[in-house]
């Protein structure tokens, strides 16, 4: 997942919203860590479970890594500033279903599922990207 995150980072553009879908322990945060550390190798990339949002200033865009699991209502995304960031910065969203209808229709999706001893990663909405 670290290597895939690094590859993903090269495909992202300012304004992208990426829905990271997968159960607990699937590798969503590890993917985000690989993305950030490919550019900022010494950066500590914690899970945003308790802070909800971690922002990283990368050379080409600001990356918002969000864990929305604890949102009780989609409108709380406004309080986090997330709705302003979407469309301008890159937003990686763990538990994107918590946004309900506020999730952008053009969000790209990465679904991570365990299969045997490995993982199966499915990308949706990436037709124009080389990942």
C-alpha atoms as a PDB file:
ATOM      1  CA  UNK A   1       0.000   0.000   0.000  1.00  0.00           C
ATOM      2  CA  UNK A   2       2.959   2.332   0.606  1.00  0.00           C
ATOM      3  CA  UNK A   3       4.231   1.836  -2.950  1.00  0.00           C
ATOM      4  CA  UNK A   4       0.748   2.212  -4.402  1.00  0.00           C
ATOM      5  CA  UNK A   5       0.301   5.464  -2.443  1.00  0.00           C
ATOM      6  CA  UNK A   6       3.539   6.803  -3.939  1.00  0.00           C
ATOM      7  CA  UNK A   7       2.329   5.921  -7.451  1.00  0.00           C
ATOM      8  CA  UNK A   8      -1.047   7.473  -6.759  1.00  0.00           C
ATOM      9  CA  UNK A   9       0.569  10.749  -5.726  1.00  0.00           C
ATOM     10  CA  UNK A  10       2.072  11.162  -9.190  1.00  0.00           C
ATOM     11  CA  UNK A  11      -1.399  10.879 -10.774  1.00  0.00           C
ATOM     12  CA  UNK A  12      -3.222  13.380  -8.564  1.00  0.00           C
ATOM     13  CA  UNK A  13      -4.042  16.934  -9.554  1.00  0.00           C
ATOM     14  CA  UNK A  14      -5.228  19.908  -7.531  1.00  0.00           C
ATOM     15  CA  UNK A  15      -8.991  19.671  -7.150  1.00  0.00           C
ATOM     16  CA  UNK A  16      -9.158  15.868  -6.994  1.00  0.00           C
ATOM     17  CA  UNK A  17     -11.315  14.160  -4.390  1.00  0.00           C
ATOM     18  CA  UNK A  18     -10.461  10.529  -3.701  1.00  0.00           C
ATOM     19  CA  UNK A  19     -12.837   8.263  -1.789  1.00  0.00           C
ATOM     20  CA  UNK A  20     -10.872   5.571   0.050  1.00  0.00           C
ATOM     21  CA  UNK A  21     -13.251   2.681   0.664  1.00  0.00           C
ATOM     22  CA  UNK A  22     -12.393  -0.337   2.798  1.00  0.00           C
ATOM     23  CA  UNK A  23     -12.921  -1.877   6.183  1.00  0.00           C
ATOM     24  CA  UNK A  24     -10.869  -1.353   9.311  1.00  0.00           C
ATOM     25  CA  UNK A  25      -7.234  -2.252   8.690  1.00  0.00           C
ATOM     26  CA  UNK A  26      -7.630  -2.412   4.899  1.00  0.00           C
ATOM     27  CA  UNK A  27      -4.711  -0.031   4.310  1.00  0.00           C
ATOM     28  CA  UNK A  28      -6.372   3.329   3.699  1.00  0.00           C
ATOM     29  CA  UNK A  29      -4.050   5.246   6.037  1.00  0.00           C
ATOM     30  CA  UNK A  30      -1.020   3.285   4.839  1.00  0.00           C
ATOM     31  CA  UNK A  31      -1.855   4.331   1.275  1.00  0.00           C
ATOM     32  CA  UNK A  32      -2.006   7.981   2.386  1.00  0.00           C
ATOM     33  CA  UNK A  33       1.290   7.573   4.253  1.00  0.00           C
ATOM     34  CA  UNK A  34       2.968   6.252   1.097  1.00  0.00           C
ATOM     35  CA  UNK A  35       1.658   9.192  -0.907  1.00  0.00           C
ATOM     36  CA  UNK A  36       2.905  11.838   1.533  1.00  0.00           C
ATOM     37  CA  UNK A  37       6.237  10.185   2.344  1.00  0.00           C
ATOM     38  CA  UNK A  38       7.092   9.768  -1.334  1.00  0.00           C
ATOM     39  CA  UNK A  39       7.331  13.571  -1.442  1.00  0.00           C
ATOM     40  CA  UNK A  40       8.180  14.353   2.200  1.00  0.00           C
ATOM     41  CA  UNK A  41      10.205  11.300   3.333  1.00  0.00           C
ATOM     42  CA  UNK A  42      10.678  12.455   6.937  1.00  0.00           C
ATOM     43  CA  UNK A  43       7.032  13.412   7.451  1.00  0.00           C
ATOM     44  CA  UNK A  44       5.185  11.511  10.150  1.00  0.00           C
ATOM     45  CA  UNK A  45       1.763  10.590   8.758  1.00  0.00           C
ATOM     46  CA  UNK A  46      -0.585   9.584  11.559  1.00  0.00           C
ATOM     47  CA  UNK A  47      -4.107   8.321  11.121  1.00  0.00           C
ATOM     48  CA  UNK A  48      -6.489  11.283  11.339  1.00  0.00           C
ATOM     49  CA  UNK A  49      -8.971   9.199  13.354  1.00  0.00           C
ATOM     50  CA  UNK A  50      -9.042  11.648  16.274  1.00  0.00           C
ATOM     51  CA  UNK A  51      -8.071  14.898  14.566  1.00  0.00           C
ATOM     52  CA  UNK A  52     -10.372  14.100  11.596  1.00  0.00           C
ATOM     53  CA  UNK A  53      -8.106  16.047   9.212  1.00  0.00           C
ATOM     54  CA  UNK A  54      -4.372  16.186   8.565  1.00  0.00           C
ATOM     55  CA  UNK A  55      -3.174  18.657   5.931  1.00  0.00           C
ATOM     56  CA  UNK A  56       0.154  18.434   4.100  1.00  0.00           C
ATOM     57  CA  UNK A  57       1.701  21.122   1.896  1.00  0.00           C
ATOM     58  CA  UNK A  58       3.047  19.223  -1.101  1.00  0.00           C
ATOM     59  CA  UNK A  59       4.797  20.962  -4.014  1.00  0.00           C
ATOM     60  CA  UNK A  60       1.824  20.883  -6.399  1.00  0.00           C
ATOM     61  CA  UNK A  61      -1.129  21.018  -4.005  1.00  0.00           C
ATOM     62  CA  UNK A  62      -2.293  20.848  -0.418  1.00  0.00           C
ATOM     63  CA  UNK A  63      -3.327  17.330   0.531  1.00  0.00           C
ATOM     64  CA  UNK A  64      -6.170  16.877   3.000  1.00  0.00           C
ATOM     65  CA  UNK A  65      -6.206  13.407   4.551  1.00  0.00           C
ATOM     66  CA  UNK A  66      -9.566  13.007   6.286  1.00  0.00           C
ATOM     67  CA  UNK A  67     -11.042  10.251   8.409  1.00  0.00           C
ATOM     68  CA  UNK A  68     -14.781  10.861   8.435  1.00  0.00           C
ATOM     69  CA  UNK A  69     -15.694   7.814  10.535  1.00  0.00           C
ATOM     70  CA  UNK A  70     -16.657   9.924  13.547  1.00  0.00           C
ATOM     71  CA  UNK A  71     -18.863  12.371  11.637  1.00  0.00           C
ATOM     72  CA  UNK A  72     -22.382  12.169  12.984  1.00  0.00           C
ATOM     73  CA  UNK A  73     -23.911  14.219  10.164  1.00  0.00           C
ATOM     74  CA  UNK A  74     -22.618  15.139   6.690  1.00  0.00           C
ATOM     75  CA  UNK A  75     -22.973  18.871   7.428  1.00  0.00           C
ATOM     76  CA  UNK A  76     -20.093  18.582   9.932  1.00  0.00           C
ATOM     77  CA  UNK A  77     -17.817  18.559   6.866  1.00  0.00           C
ATOM     78  CA  UNK A  78     -18.500  22.295   6.534  1.00  0.00           C
ATOM     79  CA  UNK A  79     -17.182  22.897  10.062  1.00  0.00           C
ATOM     80  CA  UNK A  80     -13.964  21.060   9.165  1.00  0.00           C
ATOM     81  CA  UNK A  81     -13.453  23.305   6.125  1.00  0.00           C
ATOM     82  CA  UNK A  82     -13.594  20.231   3.935  1.00  0.00           C
ATOM     83  CA  UNK A  83     -16.274  21.543   1.610  1.00  0.00           C
ATOM     84  CA  UNK A  84     -14.073  24.557   0.797  1.00  0.00           C
ATOM     85  CA  UNK A  85     -11.040  22.322   0.192  1.00  0.00           C
ATOM     86  CA  UNK A  86     -12.816  19.997  -2.239  1.00  0.00           C
ATOM     87  CA  UNK A  87     -12.387  21.285  -5.762  1.00  0.00           C
ATOM     88  CA  UNK A  88      -9.237  23.265  -4.882  1.00  0.00           C
ATOM     89  CA  UNK A  89      -6.947  20.936  -2.958  1.00  0.00           C
ATOM     90  CA  UNK A  90      -6.579  17.162  -3.081  1.00  0.00           C
ATOM     91  CA  UNK A  91      -8.834  15.425  -0.554  1.00  0.00           C
ATOM     92  CA  UNK A  92      -8.266  11.799   0.439  1.00  0.00           C
ATOM     93  CA  UNK A  93     -11.389  10.714   2.297  1.00  0.00           C
ATOM     94  CA  UNK A  94     -11.542   7.667   4.509  1.00  0.00           C
ATOM     95  CA  UNK A  95     -15.150   6.580   5.191  1.00  0.00           C
ATOM     96  CA  UNK A  96     -16.502   8.809   2.391  1.00  0.00           C
ATOM     97  CA  UNK A  97     -20.010   7.378   2.832  1.00  0.00           C
ATOM     98  CA  UNK A  98     -20.316   9.659   5.891  1.00  0.00           C
ATOM     99  CA  UNK A  99     -20.611  12.613   3.488  1.00  0.00           C
ATOM    100  CA  UNK A 100     -23.776  11.218   1.937  1.00  0.00           C
ATOM    101  CA  UNK A 101     -24.904  13.430  -0.933  1.00  0.00           C
ATOM    102  CA  UNK A 102     -22.102  15.944  -0.213  1.00  0.00           C
ATOM    103  CA  UNK A 103     -19.514  13.590  -1.738  1.00  0.00           C
ATOM    104  CA  UNK A 104     -18.677  15.132  -5.129  1.00  0.00           C
ATOM    105  CA  UNK A 105     -20.140  13.206  -8.048  1.00  0.00           C
ATOM    106  CA  UNK A 106     -16.764  13.300  -9.807  1.00  0.00           C
ATOM    107  CA  UNK A 107     -14.862  11.829  -6.844  1.00  0.00           C
ATOM    108  CA  UNK A 108     -12.503   9.049  -7.786  1.00  0.00           C
ATOM    109  CA  UNK A 109     -12.843   5.874  -5.756  1.00  0.00           C
ATOM    110  CA  UNK A 110     -10.260   3.425  -4.473  1.00  0.00           C
ATOM    111  CA  UNK A 111     -11.824   0.336  -2.931  1.00  0.00           C
ATOM    112  CA  UNK A 112      -9.529  -1.924  -0.917  1.00  0.00           C
ATOM    113  CA  UNK A 113     -10.631  -5.461  -0.050  1.00  0.00           C
ATOM    114  CA  UNK A 114      -8.789  -8.325   1.571  1.00  0.00           C
ATOM    115  CA  UNK A 115      -8.480 -11.371  -0.674  1.00  0.00           C
ATOM    116  CA  UNK A 116      -6.693 -14.350   0.829  1.00  0.00           C
ATOM    117  CA  UNK A 117      -3.353 -13.103   2.102  1.00  0.00           C
ATOM    118  CA  UNK A 118      -3.349 -10.004  -0.125  1.00  0.00           C
ATOM    119  CA  UNK A 119      -5.514  -7.102  -1.113  1.00  0.00           C
ATOM    120  CA  UNK A 120      -7.583  -6.337  -4.178  1.00  0.00           C
ATOM    121  CA  UNK A 121      -7.611  -2.644  -5.122  1.00  0.00           C
ATOM    122  CA  UNK A 122     -10.277  -1.353  -7.512  1.00  0.00           C
ATOM    123  CA  UNK A 123     -10.077   2.148  -8.999  1.00  0.00           C
ATOM    124  CA  UNK A 124     -13.193   3.835 -10.350  1.00  0.00           C
ATOM    125  CA  UNK A 125     -13.254   7.175 -12.148  1.00  0.00           C
ATOM    126  CA  UNK A 126      -9.586   7.074 -13.168  1.00  0.00           C
ATOM    127  CA  UNK A 127     -10.118   6.738 -16.915  1.00  0.00           C
ATOM    128  CA  UNK A 128      -7.809   9.645 -17.795  1.00  0.00           C
ATOM    129  CA  UNK A 129      -5.046   8.813 -15.292  1.00  0.00           C
ATOM    130  CA  UNK A 130      -2.063   6.516 -15.359  1.00  0.00           C
ATOM    131  CA  UNK A 131      -1.806   4.977 -11.906  1.00  0.00           C
END
